[in-house]
């Protein structure tokens, strides 16, 4: 018999069940939880090693099997973050080290290789053509920039075919 604790709001109950489901799959993490006024539950996940269909099924069951449809008529959608979705969590940056990101800050947009992602900042590295310091023409120089997470307005993984 599904449980629904009356002292908890519907969103709190869904959040609790989702957290319990994620505890059983520590490589997964929550990107977004949305519950509409019509009780449509939308869960977006990511994982250190990606998210597969079985992961979505397992998380869906951990929520669906423990809510009472007699209390709330709800719908449930569990999906992985899309490949073009902006990065929102530090774990997403860490799992994408070595890939090319497009990072937008207040002052610039940089497309470069992510080489470091720690708990405070990321480091991007790229090559650029700049005028020679002496003489005419241009030379290729290595660029490196540290960007704190608070400076990042938007970051997406660039898919290179």
Protein backbone atom coordinates (compact mmCIF):
# COMPACT_ATOMS: atom_id res chain seq x y z
CA UNK A 1 0.00 0.00 0.00
CA UNK A 2 1.61 3.30 -1.06
CA UNK A 3 2.25 5.76 1.73
CA UNK A 4 1.47 9.45 1.67
CA UNK A 5 2.28 11.36 4.80
CA UNK A 6 -0.40 14.02 5.34
CA UNK A 7 2.00 16.47 6.98
CA UNK A 8 4.13 16.56 3.82
CA UNK A 9 3.24 18.47 0.71
CA UNK A 10 3.06 16.55 -2.54
CA UNK A 11 6.36 18.09 -3.72
CA UNK A 12 8.09 17.22 -0.43
CA UNK A 13 6.89 13.62 -0.71
CA UNK A 14 8.06 13.35 -4.33
CA UNK A 15 11.43 14.89 -3.36
CA UNK A 16 11.82 12.39 -0.50
CA UNK A 17 11.01 9.42 -2.73
CA UNK A 18 13.35 10.72 -5.44
CA UNK A 19 16.17 11.16 -2.91
CA UNK A 20 15.66 7.60 -1.66
CA UNK A 21 15.77 6.29 -5.25
CA UNK A 22 18.96 8.24 -5.97
CA UNK A 23 20.61 6.83 -2.81
CA UNK A 24 20.40 3.40 -4.44
CA UNK A 25 22.14 4.74 -7.57
CA UNK A 26 25.00 6.96 -6.31
CA UNK A 27 26.37 7.63 -9.80
CA UNK A 28 23.14 9.48 -10.69
CA UNK A 29 22.27 13.01 -9.64
CA UNK A 30 19.30 15.31 -9.97
CA UNK A 31 19.40 18.13 -12.51
CA UNK A 32 15.82 19.31 -12.14
CA UNK A 33 12.52 18.40 -10.49
CA UNK A 34 9.39 20.16 -11.69
CA UNK A 35 5.86 19.54 -10.52
CA UNK A 36 3.15 21.41 -12.39
CA UNK A 37 -0.18 22.53 -10.94
CA UNK A 38 -1.81 19.58 -12.70
CA UNK A 39 0.55 17.19 -10.83
CA UNK A 40 2.80 16.38 -13.77
CA UNK A 41 6.13 15.32 -12.26
CA UNK A 42 9.16 15.91 -14.50
CA UNK A 43 12.50 14.55 -13.27
CA UNK A 44 15.71 15.31 -15.18
CA UNK A 45 18.77 13.26 -14.25
CA UNK A 46 22.43 13.05 -15.16
CA UNK A 47 25.07 10.57 -14.13
CA UNK A 48 28.80 10.34 -13.70
CA UNK A 49 28.71 7.60 -16.35
CA UNK A 50 25.65 8.83 -18.22
CA UNK A 51 22.04 7.75 -17.72
CA UNK A 52 20.53 4.71 -19.39
CA UNK A 53 16.93 3.58 -19.82
CA UNK A 54 17.08 1.22 -16.83
CA UNK A 55 18.21 4.10 -14.59
CA UNK A 56 15.15 6.10 -15.66
CA UNK A 57 12.87 3.10 -15.09
CA UNK A 58 14.31 2.46 -11.61
CA UNK A 59 13.94 6.09 -10.49
CA UNK A 60 10.45 6.24 -11.97
CA UNK A 61 9.42 3.14 -10.02
CA UNK A 62 10.86 4.50 -6.77
CA UNK A 63 8.46 7.43 -7.09
CA UNK A 64 5.45 5.87 -8.85
CA UNK A 65 5.22 2.77 -6.65
CA UNK A 66 5.14 4.84 -3.46
CA UNK A 67 2.57 7.52 -4.28
CA UNK A 68 -1.17 7.00 -4.03
CA UNK A 69 -3.05 7.95 -7.21
CA UNK A 70 -6.22 8.03 -5.13
CA UNK A 71 -4.82 11.06 -3.29
CA UNK A 72 -3.28 12.83 -6.32
CA UNK A 73 -3.84 11.93 -9.96
CA UNK A 74 -0.33 12.52 -11.28
CA UNK A 75 1.75 11.80 -14.35
CA UNK A 76 5.46 11.07 -14.18
CA UNK A 77 8.27 11.65 -16.66
CA UNK A 78 11.88 10.69 -15.87
CA UNK A 79 14.56 11.53 -18.45
CA UNK A 80 18.26 12.21 -18.80
CA UNK A 81 19.60 15.70 -19.40
CA UNK A 82 19.83 16.30 -23.13
CA UNK A 83 23.20 16.54 -24.80
CA UNK A 84 22.57 20.20 -25.59
CA UNK A 85 21.31 21.06 -22.10
CA UNK A 86 23.34 23.65 -20.21
CA UNK A 87 25.55 22.32 -17.42
CA UNK A 88 24.07 23.13 -14.01
CA UNK A 89 26.06 21.12 -11.47
CA UNK A 90 29.74 20.83 -10.61
CA UNK A 91 29.49 17.03 -11.14
CA UNK A 92 28.53 17.70 -14.77
CA UNK A 93 31.66 19.79 -15.30
CA UNK A 94 33.84 17.14 -13.66
CA UNK A 95 32.46 14.36 -15.87
CA UNK A 96 33.13 16.45 -19.00
CA UNK A 97 36.84 17.13 -18.40
CA UNK A 98 38.63 16.71 -21.74
CA UNK A 99 35.62 17.80 -23.80
CA UNK A 100 35.05 21.10 -25.56
CA UNK A 101 32.69 23.53 -23.84
CA UNK A 102 31.14 26.78 -24.91
CA UNK A 103 31.17 28.96 -21.81
CA UNK A 104 29.35 32.26 -21.61
CA UNK A 105 30.31 34.80 -18.95
CA UNK A 106 29.16 38.37 -18.44
CA UNK A 107 31.92 39.69 -20.71
CA UNK A 108 32.75 36.95 -23.23
CA UNK A 109 31.99 33.58 -24.79
CA UNK A 110 34.82 31.05 -24.97
CA UNK A 111 34.82 27.74 -26.82
CA UNK A 112 37.67 25.65 -25.46
CA UNK A 113 38.74 22.37 -23.92
CA UNK A 114 37.81 21.85 -20.27
CA UNK A 115 41.01 20.74 -18.54
CA UNK A 116 40.20 21.27 -14.85
CA UNK A 117 36.96 21.23 -12.87
CA UNK A 118 37.17 21.39 -9.11
CA UNK A 119 34.70 22.56 -6.48
CA UNK A 120 35.47 26.28 -7.06
CA UNK A 121 36.32 26.86 -10.72
CA UNK A 122 37.02 25.43 -14.16
CA UNK A 123 40.03 25.88 -16.42
CA UNK A 124 39.65 26.19 -20.19
CA UNK A 125 42.55 25.82 -22.64
CA UNK A 126 42.72 26.64 -26.36
CA UNK A 127 44.98 27.82 -29.14
CA UNK A 128 44.62 31.29 -30.62
CA UNK A 129 46.23 33.20 -33.48
CA UNK A 130 47.62 36.50 -32.27
CA UNK A 131 49.87 39.17 -33.78
CA UNK A 132 53.57 38.46 -33.23
CA UNK A 133 55.19 40.48 -30.47
CA UNK A 134 58.08 41.26 -32.81
CA UNK A 135 57.68 41.58 -36.56
CA UNK A 136 54.71 41.11 -38.83
CA UNK A 137 52.25 38.24 -39.05
CA UNK A 138 50.56 36.06 -36.50
CA UNK A 139 51.64 33.21 -34.29
CA UNK A 140 49.74 30.43 -32.55
CA UNK A 141 49.72 30.83 -28.78
CA UNK A 142 48.38 28.62 -26.01
CA UNK A 143 45.67 30.27 -23.93
CA UNK A 144 44.45 29.21 -20.52
CA UNK A 145 41.72 30.77 -18.42
CA UNK A 146 40.37 30.00 -14.97
CA UNK A 147 36.68 30.78 -14.51
CA UNK A 148 34.81 30.53 -11.21
CA UNK A 149 31.38 28.89 -11.32
CA UNK A 150 29.80 32.15 -10.13
CA UNK A 151 31.04 33.88 -13.32
CA UNK A 152 29.45 31.31 -15.67
CA UNK A 153 26.12 32.40 -17.11
CA UNK A 154 25.77 29.34 -19.37
CA UNK A 155 27.95 26.39 -20.36
CA UNK A 156 27.19 23.63 -22.86
CA UNK A 157 29.19 20.72 -24.22
CA UNK A 158 30.10 21.23 -27.87
CA UNK A 159 29.45 18.09 -29.88
CA UNK A 160 32.17 17.59 -32.49
CA UNK A 161 31.47 15.13 -35.31
